[in-house]
């Protein structure tokens, strides 16, 4: 059975780390609010720097052999281009780092590569459904709805649902699936997935009708992420791993993202904060030179 919140299979999760050292979620805050969305929030912050942002580009290599600067090689419109900088902030996901999608020259130190190779990073997928008719609501007002099933191969498969109907102003349910099951469903068609989802919803709410709009994620297949977010893996010290992943290399390469923090991992605001901290450290280093 998968653990929906933690993205990994149950046999991969560290019970000790999650039970004893897990973060306090009571202080969570939203990076964005309905109907603004993450994209519009990020675009607002990026607007003053729009002339310096190159969209549709993919970084292939970062060469930091020079002690005072780094050269970034990237492709754009089928052409290879370069940009040189005194410092570089790497914010790609742990999944992209694990895949070796970016070549670092020289190779990253062993202590950082060990964290990249051995930290837990898994998949959570969602099936978001909306109904046009306000009378379509056949479920309670609870934020989280869970179906308890028998312990078999379908256990944990589309049994957790988030209910943002109040915030959206339209009947909405979001099915969650995590771990190996989340990876497995990516081979299914949207129609096949919806059949599985509706089977479980009808088991709880027989009067529920087919949704009018459905969006299904496949984060494991998204080449710019290759997963969803990190989890605390059995046999690893998560706090140490996030520290090593976050630590800069030669005062040239900095790293940020949800997997670089033990206090906000798996969250958008955690990733955002690590970027802010890294930027301040980079600024301090540039002032020092």
C-alpha atoms as a PDB file:
ATOM      1  CA  UNK A   1       0.000   0.000   0.000  1.00  0.00           C
ATOM      2  CA  UNK A   2       1.280   3.469  -0.820  1.00  0.00           C
ATOM      3  CA  UNK A   3       1.519   6.380   1.566  1.00  0.00           C
ATOM      4  CA  UNK A   4      -0.325   9.190  -0.177  1.00  0.00           C
ATOM      5  CA  UNK A   5       1.239  12.081   1.746  1.00  0.00           C
ATOM      6  CA  UNK A   6       4.820  10.844   1.629  1.00  0.00           C
ATOM      7  CA  UNK A   7       5.066   9.671  -2.024  1.00  0.00           C
ATOM      8  CA  UNK A   8       7.014   6.478  -1.247  1.00  0.00           C
ATOM      9  CA  UNK A   9       6.015   2.861  -0.797  1.00  0.00           C
ATOM     10  CA  UNK A  10       5.344   1.812   2.786  1.00  0.00           C
ATOM     11  CA  UNK A  11       8.472  -0.359   2.819  1.00  0.00           C
ATOM     12  CA  UNK A  12      10.581   2.673   1.820  1.00  0.00           C
ATOM     13  CA  UNK A  13       9.318   5.062   4.500  1.00  0.00           C
ATOM     14  CA  UNK A  14      11.180   5.608   7.744  1.00  0.00           C
ATOM     15  CA  UNK A  15       8.621   5.196  10.528  1.00  0.00           C
ATOM     16  CA  UNK A  16      11.125   6.614  13.026  1.00  0.00           C
ATOM     17  CA  UNK A  17      11.835   9.741  10.972  1.00  0.00           C
ATOM     18  CA  UNK A  18       8.188  10.429  10.157  1.00  0.00           C
ATOM     19  CA  UNK A  19       6.800   9.635  13.598  1.00  0.00           C
ATOM     20  CA  UNK A  20       9.481  11.321  15.707  1.00  0.00           C
ATOM     21  CA  UNK A  21      10.995  14.059  13.579  1.00  0.00           C
ATOM     22  CA  UNK A  22       8.245  14.957  11.117  1.00  0.00           C
ATOM     23  CA  UNK A  23       7.568  18.644  10.594  1.00  0.00           C
ATOM     24  CA  UNK A  24       4.795  20.530  12.375  1.00  0.00           C
ATOM     25  CA  UNK A  25       2.138  21.247   9.761  1.00  0.00           C
ATOM     26  CA  UNK A  26       0.151  23.600  11.996  1.00  0.00           C
ATOM     27  CA  UNK A  27       2.083  26.636  10.770  1.00  0.00           C
ATOM     28  CA  UNK A  28       1.455  25.996   7.084  1.00  0.00           C
ATOM     29  CA  UNK A  29       0.497  28.898   4.898  1.00  0.00           C
ATOM     30  CA  UNK A  30      -0.613  29.260   1.311  1.00  0.00           C
ATOM     31  CA  UNK A  31       1.742  30.401  -1.426  1.00  0.00           C
ATOM     32  CA  UNK A  32      -1.328  31.351  -3.460  1.00  0.00           C
ATOM     33  CA  UNK A  33      -5.085  31.520  -3.081  1.00  0.00           C
ATOM     34  CA  UNK A  34      -8.025  30.562  -5.305  1.00  0.00           C
ATOM     35  CA  UNK A  35      -8.526  31.625  -8.049  1.00  0.00           C
ATOM     36  CA  UNK A  36      -5.052  33.159  -8.428  1.00  0.00           C
ATOM     37  CA  UNK A  37      -2.998  29.953  -8.696  1.00  0.00           C
ATOM     38  CA  UNK A  38       0.724  29.243  -8.458  1.00  0.00           C
ATOM     39  CA  UNK A  39       1.402  30.330 -12.040  1.00  0.00           C
ATOM     40  CA  UNK A  40       0.017  33.844 -11.640  1.00  0.00           C
ATOM     41  CA  UNK A  41       1.737  34.277  -8.276  1.00  0.00           C
ATOM     42  CA  UNK A  42       5.115  33.321  -9.714  1.00  0.00           C
ATOM     43  CA  UNK A  43       4.529  35.502 -12.782  1.00  0.00           C
ATOM     44  CA  UNK A  44       3.868  38.531 -10.587  1.00  0.00           C
ATOM     45  CA  UNK A  45       7.156  38.116  -8.729  1.00  0.00           C
ATOM     46  CA  UNK A  46       8.995  37.457 -11.999  1.00  0.00           C
ATOM     47  CA  UNK A  47       7.606  40.465 -13.884  1.00  0.00           C
ATOM     48  CA  UNK A  48      10.384  42.935 -12.891  1.00  0.00           C
ATOM     49  CA  UNK A  49      12.967  40.452 -14.224  1.00  0.00           C
ATOM     50  CA  UNK A  50      11.076  39.321 -17.322  1.00  0.00           C
ATOM     51  CA  UNK A  51      13.781  40.609 -19.687  1.00  0.00           C
ATOM     52  CA  UNK A  52      16.318  38.314 -18.002  1.00  0.00           C
ATOM     53  CA  UNK A  53      14.152  35.177 -17.945  1.00  0.00           C
ATOM     54  CA  UNK A  54      14.410  32.752 -20.865  1.00  0.00           C
ATOM     55  CA  UNK A  55      11.458  30.390 -21.143  1.00  0.00           C
ATOM     56  CA  UNK A  56      11.493  27.149 -23.125  1.00  0.00           C
ATOM     57  CA  UNK A  57      15.175  26.565 -22.378  1.00  0.00           C
ATOM     58  CA  UNK A  58      16.640  23.365 -20.920  1.00  0.00           C
ATOM     59  CA  UNK A  59      19.924  23.321 -19.003  1.00  0.00           C
ATOM     60  CA  UNK A  60      22.265  20.535 -20.138  1.00  0.00           C
ATOM     61  CA  UNK A  61      25.535  21.271 -18.337  1.00  0.00           C
ATOM     62  CA  UNK A  62      26.988  23.495 -15.634  1.00  0.00           C
ATOM     63  CA  UNK A  63      30.760  23.946 -15.776  1.00  0.00           C
ATOM     64  CA  UNK A  64      32.227  25.426 -12.615  1.00  0.00           C
ATOM     65  CA  UNK A  65      35.926  24.615 -13.121  1.00  0.00           C
ATOM     66  CA  UNK A  66      36.784  28.293 -12.939  1.00  0.00           C
ATOM     67  CA  UNK A  67      37.003  29.338  -9.305  1.00  0.00           C
ATOM     68  CA  UNK A  68      35.296  32.677  -9.953  1.00  0.00           C
ATOM     69  CA  UNK A  69      32.479  31.824 -12.337  1.00  0.00           C
ATOM     70  CA  UNK A  70      30.350  29.103 -13.899  1.00  0.00           C
ATOM     71  CA  UNK A  71      29.219  28.539 -17.470  1.00  0.00           C
ATOM     72  CA  UNK A  72      25.736  27.176 -18.040  1.00  0.00           C
ATOM     73  CA  UNK A  73      25.024  25.350 -21.309  1.00  0.00           C
ATOM     74  CA  UNK A  74      21.377  25.187 -22.352  1.00  0.00           C
ATOM     75  CA  UNK A  75      19.302  24.432 -25.417  1.00  0.00           C
ATOM     76  CA  UNK A  76      16.693  26.784 -26.812  1.00  0.00           C
ATOM     77  CA  UNK A  77      14.816  26.368 -30.100  1.00  0.00           C
ATOM     78  CA  UNK A  78      17.134  23.503 -30.993  1.00  0.00           C
ATOM     79  CA  UNK A  79      20.300  25.558 -30.499  1.00  0.00           C
ATOM     80  CA  UNK A  80      22.900  25.321 -27.736  1.00  0.00           C
ATOM     81  CA  UNK A  81      23.606  28.574 -25.928  1.00  0.00           C
ATOM     82  CA  UNK A  82      25.687  29.574 -22.918  1.00  0.00           C
ATOM     83  CA  UNK A  83      25.508  32.060 -20.095  1.00  0.00           C
ATOM     84  CA  UNK A  84      28.275  32.855 -17.608  1.00  0.00           C
ATOM     85  CA  UNK A  85      27.660  33.884 -14.013  1.00  0.00           C
ATOM     86  CA  UNK A  86      29.606  34.398 -10.812  1.00  0.00           C
ATOM     87  CA  UNK A  87      27.140  32.191  -8.941  1.00  0.00           C
ATOM     88  CA  UNK A  88      24.462  29.709 -10.043  1.00  0.00           C
ATOM     89  CA  UNK A  89      21.356  28.578  -8.183  1.00  0.00           C
ATOM     90  CA  UNK A  90      20.147  25.079  -9.100  1.00  0.00           C
ATOM     91  CA  UNK A  91      16.433  24.651  -8.362  1.00  0.00           C
ATOM     92  CA  UNK A  92      15.556  21.569 -10.412  1.00  0.00           C
ATOM     93  CA  UNK A  93      13.763  18.762  -8.605  1.00  0.00           C
ATOM     94  CA  UNK A  94      15.541  15.934  -6.828  1.00  0.00           C
ATOM     95  CA  UNK A  95      14.075  13.673  -9.500  1.00  0.00           C
ATOM     96  CA  UNK A  96      15.897  15.569 -12.244  1.00  0.00           C
ATOM     97  CA  UNK A  97      19.142  15.458 -10.246  1.00  0.00           C
ATOM     98  CA  UNK A  98      18.732  11.719  -9.698  1.00  0.00           C
ATOM     99  CA  UNK A  99      18.249  11.187 -13.421  1.00  0.00           C
ATOM    100  CA  UNK A 100      21.513  12.988 -14.192  1.00  0.00           C
ATOM    101  CA  UNK A 101      19.712  15.260 -16.641  1.00  0.00           C
ATOM    102  CA  UNK A 102      22.267  18.003 -15.944  1.00  0.00           C
ATOM    103  CA  UNK A 103      25.966  17.292 -16.320  1.00  0.00           C
ATOM    104  CA  UNK A 104      28.118  18.988 -13.673  1.00  0.00           C
ATOM    105  CA  UNK A 105      31.757  19.603 -14.538  1.00  0.00           C
ATOM    106  CA  UNK A 106      33.642  18.802 -12.438  1.00  0.00           C
ATOM    107  CA  UNK A 107      31.320  16.144 -11.008  1.00  0.00           C
ATOM    108  CA  UNK A 108      29.581  17.040  -7.765  1.00  0.00           C
ATOM    109  CA  UNK A 109      31.371  16.155  -4.492  1.00  0.00           C
ATOM    110  CA  UNK A 110      30.721  12.645  -3.176  1.00  0.00           C
ATOM    111  CA  UNK A 111      28.883  13.962  -0.114  1.00  0.00           C
ATOM    112  CA  UNK A 112      26.346  15.781  -2.309  1.00  0.00           C
ATOM    113  CA  UNK A 113      26.019  13.003  -4.881  1.00  0.00           C
ATOM    114  CA  UNK A 114      25.357  10.510  -2.082  1.00  0.00           C
ATOM    115  CA  UNK A 115      22.422  12.610  -0.888  1.00  0.00           C
ATOM    116  CA  UNK A 116      21.069  12.906  -4.435  1.00  0.00           C
ATOM    117  CA  UNK A 117      21.355   9.177  -5.123  1.00  0.00           C
ATOM    118  CA  UNK A 118      19.948   7.911  -1.840  1.00  0.00           C
ATOM    119  CA  UNK A 119      17.284  10.374  -0.670  1.00  0.00           C
ATOM    120  CA  UNK A 120      13.681   9.300  -1.108  1.00  0.00           C
ATOM    121  CA  UNK A 121      11.795  10.924  -3.981  1.00  0.00           C
ATOM    122  CA  UNK A 122       8.471   9.561  -5.134  1.00  0.00           C
ATOM    123  CA  UNK A 123       5.233  10.219  -6.934  1.00  0.00           C
ATOM    124  CA  UNK A 124       1.806  11.476  -5.943  1.00  0.00           C
ATOM    125  CA  UNK A 125      -0.813  11.838  -8.641  1.00  0.00           C
ATOM    126  CA  UNK A 126      -4.232  13.419  -8.547  1.00  0.00           C
ATOM    127  CA  UNK A 127      -7.527  13.089 -10.330  1.00  0.00           C
ATOM    128  CA  UNK A 128      -9.329  16.443 -10.128  1.00  0.00           C
ATOM    129  CA  UNK A 129     -13.040  16.380 -10.897  1.00  0.00           C
ATOM    130  CA  UNK A 130     -15.632  19.131 -11.211  1.00  0.00           C
ATOM    131  CA  UNK A 131     -19.396  19.102 -11.683  1.00  0.00           C
ATOM    132  CA  UNK A 132     -21.278  21.987 -13.308  1.00  0.00           C
ATOM    133  CA  UNK A 133     -24.481  21.405 -11.353  1.00  0.00           C
ATOM    134  CA  UNK A 134     -24.427  22.664  -7.747  1.00  0.00           C
ATOM    135  CA  UNK A 135     -26.896  19.915  -6.892  1.00  0.00           C
ATOM    136  CA  UNK A 136     -24.334  17.282  -7.886  1.00  0.00           C
ATOM    137  CA  UNK A 137     -22.791  17.344  -4.402  1.00  0.00           C
ATOM    138  CA  UNK A 138     -23.376  13.860  -2.991  1.00  0.00           C
ATOM    139  CA  UNK A 139     -20.607  13.957  -0.380  1.00  0.00           C
ATOM    140  CA  UNK A 140     -20.270  15.548   3.080  1.00  0.00           C
ATOM    141  CA  UNK A 141     -18.529  18.869   3.784  1.00  0.00           C
ATOM    142  CA  UNK A 142     -15.466  17.169   5.287  1.00  0.00           C
ATOM    143  CA  UNK A 143     -12.181  18.367   3.791  1.00  0.00           C
ATOM    144  CA  UNK A 144     -10.770  14.855   3.567  1.00  0.00           C
ATOM    145  CA  UNK A 145     -12.805  11.776   2.675  1.00  0.00           C
ATOM    146  CA  UNK A 146     -11.331   8.291   2.844  1.00  0.00           C
ATOM    147  CA  UNK A 147     -12.635   4.889   1.792  1.00  0.00           C
ATOM    148  CA  UNK A 148     -11.555   1.909   3.887  1.00  0.00           C
ATOM    149  CA  UNK A 149     -11.130  -1.158   1.691  1.00  0.00           C
ATOM    150  CA  UNK A 150     -10.112  -4.744   2.261  1.00  0.00           C
ATOM    151  CA  UNK A 151      -6.371  -5.453   2.373  1.00  0.00           C
ATOM    152  CA  UNK A 152      -5.765  -6.526  -1.214  1.00  0.00           C
ATOM    153  CA  UNK A 153      -4.069  -5.279  -4.361  1.00  0.00           C
ATOM    154  CA  UNK A 154      -6.464  -2.340  -4.616  1.00  0.00           C
ATOM    155  CA  UNK A 155      -5.839  -1.098  -1.063  1.00  0.00           C
ATOM    156  CA  UNK A 156      -4.906   2.575  -1.117  1.00  0.00           C
ATOM    157  CA  UNK A 157      -5.733   2.973  -4.813  1.00  0.00           C
ATOM    158  CA  UNK A 158      -7.873   6.090  -5.177  1.00  0.00           C
ATOM    159  CA  UNK A 159      -9.231   5.852  -1.643  1.00  0.00           C
ATOM    160  CA  UNK A 160      -8.267   9.364  -0.470  1.00  0.00           C
ATOM    161  CA  UNK A 161     -10.197  12.423  -1.651  1.00  0.00           C
ATOM    162  CA  UNK A 162      -9.774  16.130  -0.940  1.00  0.00           C
ATOM    163  CA  UNK A 163     -12.900  18.283  -1.002  1.00  0.00           C
ATOM    164  CA  UNK A 164     -12.235  21.931  -2.019  1.00  0.00           C
ATOM    165  CA  UNK A 165     -15.855  22.553  -3.059  1.00  0.00           C
ATOM    166  CA  UNK A 166     -16.277  25.506  -0.686  1.00  0.00           C
ATOM    167  CA  UNK A 167     -13.127  27.266  -1.874  1.00  0.00           C
ATOM    168  CA  UNK A 168     -13.784  26.605  -5.566  1.00  0.00           C
ATOM    169  CA  UNK A 169     -17.432  27.629  -5.487  1.00  0.00           C
ATOM    170  CA  UNK A 170     -18.273  24.625  -7.654  1.00  0.00           C
ATOM    171  CA  UNK A 171     -18.635  20.911  -6.761  1.00  0.00           C
ATOM    172  CA  UNK A 172     -15.081  19.593  -6.767  1.00  0.00           C
ATOM    173  CA  UNK A 173     -13.267  16.499  -5.555  1.00  0.00           C
ATOM    174  CA  UNK A 174      -9.601  15.601  -5.935  1.00  0.00           C
ATOM    175  CA  UNK A 175      -8.539  11.971  -5.706  1.00  0.00           C
ATOM    176  CA  UNK A 176      -5.016  11.286  -4.415  1.00  0.00           C
ATOM    177  CA  UNK A 177      -2.787   8.301  -5.058  1.00  0.00           C
ATOM    178  CA  UNK A 178       0.811   7.822  -3.956  1.00  0.00           C
ATOM    179  CA  UNK A 179       3.855   5.569  -4.085  1.00  0.00           C
ATOM    180  CA  UNK A 180       4.064   2.623  -6.463  1.00  0.00           C
ATOM    181  CA  UNK A 181       0.346   2.810  -7.220  1.00  0.00           C
ATOM    182  CA  UNK A 182       0.837   6.394  -8.441  1.00  0.00           C
ATOM    183  CA  UNK A 183       3.566   5.191 -10.792  1.00  0.00           C
ATOM    184  CA  UNK A 184       1.482   2.258 -12.017  1.00  0.00           C
ATOM    185  CA  UNK A 185      -1.581   4.309 -12.971  1.00  0.00           C
ATOM    186  CA  UNK A 186       0.497   6.485 -15.298  1.00  0.00           C
ATOM    187  CA  UNK A 187       0.323   3.643 -17.839  1.00  0.00           C
ATOM    188  CA  UNK A 188      -3.484   3.805 -17.803  1.00  0.00           C
ATOM    189  CA  UNK A 189      -5.681   6.003 -19.978  1.00  0.00           C
ATOM    190  CA  UNK A 190      -7.711   8.804 -18.411  1.00  0.00           C
ATOM    191  CA  UNK A 191     -10.866   6.785 -19.083  1.00  0.00           C
ATOM    192  CA  UNK A 192      -9.488   3.728 -17.259  1.00  0.00           C
ATOM    193  CA  UNK A 193      -8.423   5.838 -14.298  1.00  0.00           C
ATOM    194  CA  UNK A 194     -11.794   7.553 -14.042  1.00  0.00           C
ATOM    195  CA  UNK A 195     -13.525   4.162 -13.967  1.00  0.00           C
ATOM    196  CA  UNK A 196     -11.412   3.155 -10.947  1.00  0.00           C
ATOM    197  CA  UNK A 197     -11.968   6.492  -9.213  1.00  0.00           C
ATOM    198  CA  UNK A 198     -15.734   6.509  -9.732  1.00  0.00           C
ATOM    199  CA  UNK A 199     -16.017   2.902  -8.562  1.00  0.00           C
ATOM    200  CA  UNK A 200     -14.701   3.947  -5.139  1.00  0.00           C
ATOM    201  CA  UNK A 201     -16.725   7.152  -5.008  1.00  0.00           C
ATOM    202  CA  UNK A 202     -19.920   5.252  -5.825  1.00  0.00           C
ATOM    203  CA  UNK A 203     -19.085   2.749  -3.072  1.00  0.00           C
ATOM    204  CA  UNK A 204     -19.294   5.664  -0.626  1.00  0.00           C
ATOM    205  CA  UNK A 205     -21.863   7.863  -2.385  1.00  0.00           C
ATOM    206  CA  UNK A 206     -24.173   5.810  -4.653  1.00  0.00           C
ATOM    207  CA  UNK A 207     -25.959   8.930  -5.941  1.00  0.00           C
ATOM    208  CA  UNK A 208     -22.804  10.554  -7.303  1.00  0.00           C
ATOM    209  CA  UNK A 209     -22.833  11.316 -11.040  1.00  0.00           C
ATOM    210  CA  UNK A 210     -20.055  11.412 -13.628  1.00  0.00           C
ATOM    211  CA  UNK A 211     -18.015  14.626 -13.416  1.00  0.00           C
ATOM    212  CA  UNK A 212     -18.186  17.193 -16.215  1.00  0.00           C
ATOM    213  CA  UNK A 213     -14.479  17.997 -16.155  1.00  0.00           C
ATOM    214  CA  UNK A 214     -11.538  15.755 -15.243  1.00  0.00           C
ATOM    215  CA  UNK A 215      -7.806  16.516 -15.024  1.00  0.00           C
ATOM    216  CA  UNK A 216      -5.360  13.698 -14.187  1.00  0.00           C
ATOM    217  CA  UNK A 217      -1.676  14.255 -13.417  1.00  0.00           C
ATOM    218  CA  UNK A 218       1.261  12.023 -14.359  1.00  0.00           C
ATOM    219  CA  UNK A 219       4.142  13.639 -12.517  1.00  0.00           C
ATOM    220  CA  UNK A 220       6.464  10.681 -12.971  1.00  0.00           C
ATOM    221  CA  UNK A 221       6.374  11.271 -16.727  1.00  0.00           C
ATOM    222  CA  UNK A 222       6.879  15.032 -16.540  1.00  0.00           C
ATOM    223  CA  UNK A 223      10.498  15.448 -17.812  1.00  0.00           C
ATOM    224  CA  UNK A 224      11.094  18.669 -15.904  1.00  0.00           C
ATOM    225  CA  UNK A 225      10.192  17.092 -12.547  1.00  0.00           C
ATOM    226  CA  UNK A 226      10.283  13.268 -12.827  1.00  0.00           C
ATOM    227  CA  UNK A 227       8.279  12.784  -9.652  1.00  0.00           C
ATOM    228  CA  UNK A 228       6.542  14.900  -7.071  1.00  0.00           C
ATOM    229  CA  UNK A 229       8.521  15.523  -3.876  1.00  0.00           C
ATOM    230  CA  UNK A 230      10.891  13.952  -1.387  1.00  0.00           C
ATOM    231  CA  UNK A 231      10.138  11.619   1.517  1.00  0.00           C
ATOM    232  CA  UNK A 232      12.046  10.354   4.548  1.00  0.00           C
ATOM    233  CA  UNK A 233      13.633   7.110   3.477  1.00  0.00           C
ATOM    234  CA  UNK A 234      14.346   4.252   5.855  1.00  0.00           C
ATOM    235  CA  UNK A 235      18.030   3.978   6.714  1.00  0.00           C
ATOM    236  CA  UNK A 236      18.758   7.636   5.944  1.00  0.00           C
ATOM    237  CA  UNK A 237      19.056  10.717   8.138  1.00  0.00           C
ATOM    238  CA  UNK A 238      16.706  13.118   6.385  1.00  0.00           C
ATOM    239  CA  UNK A 239      18.011  16.195   8.166  1.00  0.00           C
ATOM    240  CA  UNK A 240      21.578  15.408   7.135  1.00  0.00           C
ATOM    241  CA  UNK A 241      20.554  14.613   3.572  1.00  0.00           C
ATOM    242  CA  UNK A 242      18.672  17.894   3.112  1.00  0.00           C
ATOM    243  CA  UNK A 243      21.673  19.772   4.542  1.00  0.00           C
ATOM    244  CA  UNK A 244      24.109  18.135   2.135  1.00  0.00           C
ATOM    245  CA  UNK A 245      21.768  18.722  -0.791  1.00  0.00           C
ATOM    246  CA  UNK A 246      21.377  22.396   0.165  1.00  0.00           C
ATOM    247  CA  UNK A 247      25.075  23.088   0.866  1.00  0.00           C
ATOM    248  CA  UNK A 248      26.846  25.168  -1.777  1.00  0.00           C
ATOM    249  CA  UNK A 249      29.802  23.867  -3.795  1.00  0.00           C
ATOM    250  CA  UNK A 250      32.909  26.053  -3.952  1.00  0.00           C
ATOM    251  CA  UNK A 251      30.859  29.199  -3.290  1.00  0.00           C
ATOM    252  CA  UNK A 252      29.714  28.990  -6.928  1.00  0.00           C
ATOM    253  CA  UNK A 253      26.884  26.455  -7.016  1.00  0.00           C
ATOM    254  CA  UNK A 254      23.904  26.835  -4.706  1.00  0.00           C
ATOM    255  CA  UNK A 255      20.939  24.478  -4.459  1.00  0.00           C
ATOM    256  CA  UNK A 256      17.319  25.125  -3.473  1.00  0.00           C
ATOM    257  CA  UNK A 257      13.976  23.334  -3.609  1.00  0.00           C
ATOM    258  CA  UNK A 258      11.661  21.354  -1.370  1.00  0.00           C
ATOM    259  CA  UNK A 259      14.208  18.518  -0.924  1.00  0.00           C
ATOM    260  CA  UNK A 260      16.765  20.940   0.535  1.00  0.00           C
ATOM    261  CA  UNK A 261      14.768  21.640   3.700  1.00  0.00           C
ATOM    262  CA  UNK A 262      13.740  19.322   6.509  1.00  0.00           C
ATOM    263  CA  UNK A 263      11.186  21.823   7.824  1.00  0.00           C
ATOM    264  CA  UNK A 264       9.204  22.439   4.647  1.00  0.00           C
ATOM    265  CA  UNK A 265       9.878  19.486   2.384  1.00  0.00           C
ATOM    266  CA  UNK A 266       7.104  18.436   0.054  1.00  0.00           C
ATOM    267  CA  UNK A 267       5.552  21.921   0.014  1.00  0.00           C
ATOM    268  CA  UNK A 268       5.531  24.913  -2.320  1.00  0.00           C
ATOM    269  CA  UNK A 269       6.239  27.353   0.483  1.00  0.00           C
ATOM    270  CA  UNK A 270       9.166  25.211   1.660  1.00  0.00           C
ATOM    271  CA  UNK A 271      10.677  25.314  -1.816  1.00  0.00           C
ATOM    272  CA  UNK A 272      10.043  29.052  -2.078  1.00  0.00           C
ATOM    273  CA  UNK A 273      11.767  29.790   1.224  1.00  0.00           C
ATOM    274  CA  UNK A 274      14.882  27.806   0.308  1.00  0.00           C
ATOM    275  CA  UNK A 275      15.195  29.908  -2.837  1.00  0.00           C
ATOM    276  CA  UNK A 276      15.041  33.082  -0.758  1.00  0.00           C
ATOM    277  CA  UNK A 277      17.665  31.819   1.677  1.00  0.00           C
ATOM    278  CA  UNK A 278      19.977  30.757  -1.148  1.00  0.00           C
ATOM    279  CA  UNK A 279      19.608  34.142  -2.858  1.00  0.00           C
ATOM    280  CA  UNK A 280      20.623  35.940   0.340  1.00  0.00           C
ATOM    281  CA  UNK A 281      23.669  33.696   0.739  1.00  0.00           C
ATOM    282  CA  UNK A 282      24.660  34.289  -2.881  1.00  0.00           C
ATOM    283  CA  UNK A 283      24.303  38.036  -2.415  1.00  0.00           C
ATOM    284  CA  UNK A 284      26.521  37.892   0.670  1.00  0.00           C
ATOM    285  CA  UNK A 285      29.157  35.897  -1.219  1.00  0.00           C
ATOM    286  CA  UNK A 286      29.167  38.381  -4.113  1.00  0.00           C
ATOM    287  CA  UNK A 287      29.566  41.280  -1.716  1.00  0.00           C
ATOM    288  CA  UNK A 288      32.465  39.510  -0.045  1.00  0.00           C
ATOM    289  CA  UNK A 289      34.430  39.072  -3.285  1.00  0.00           C
END
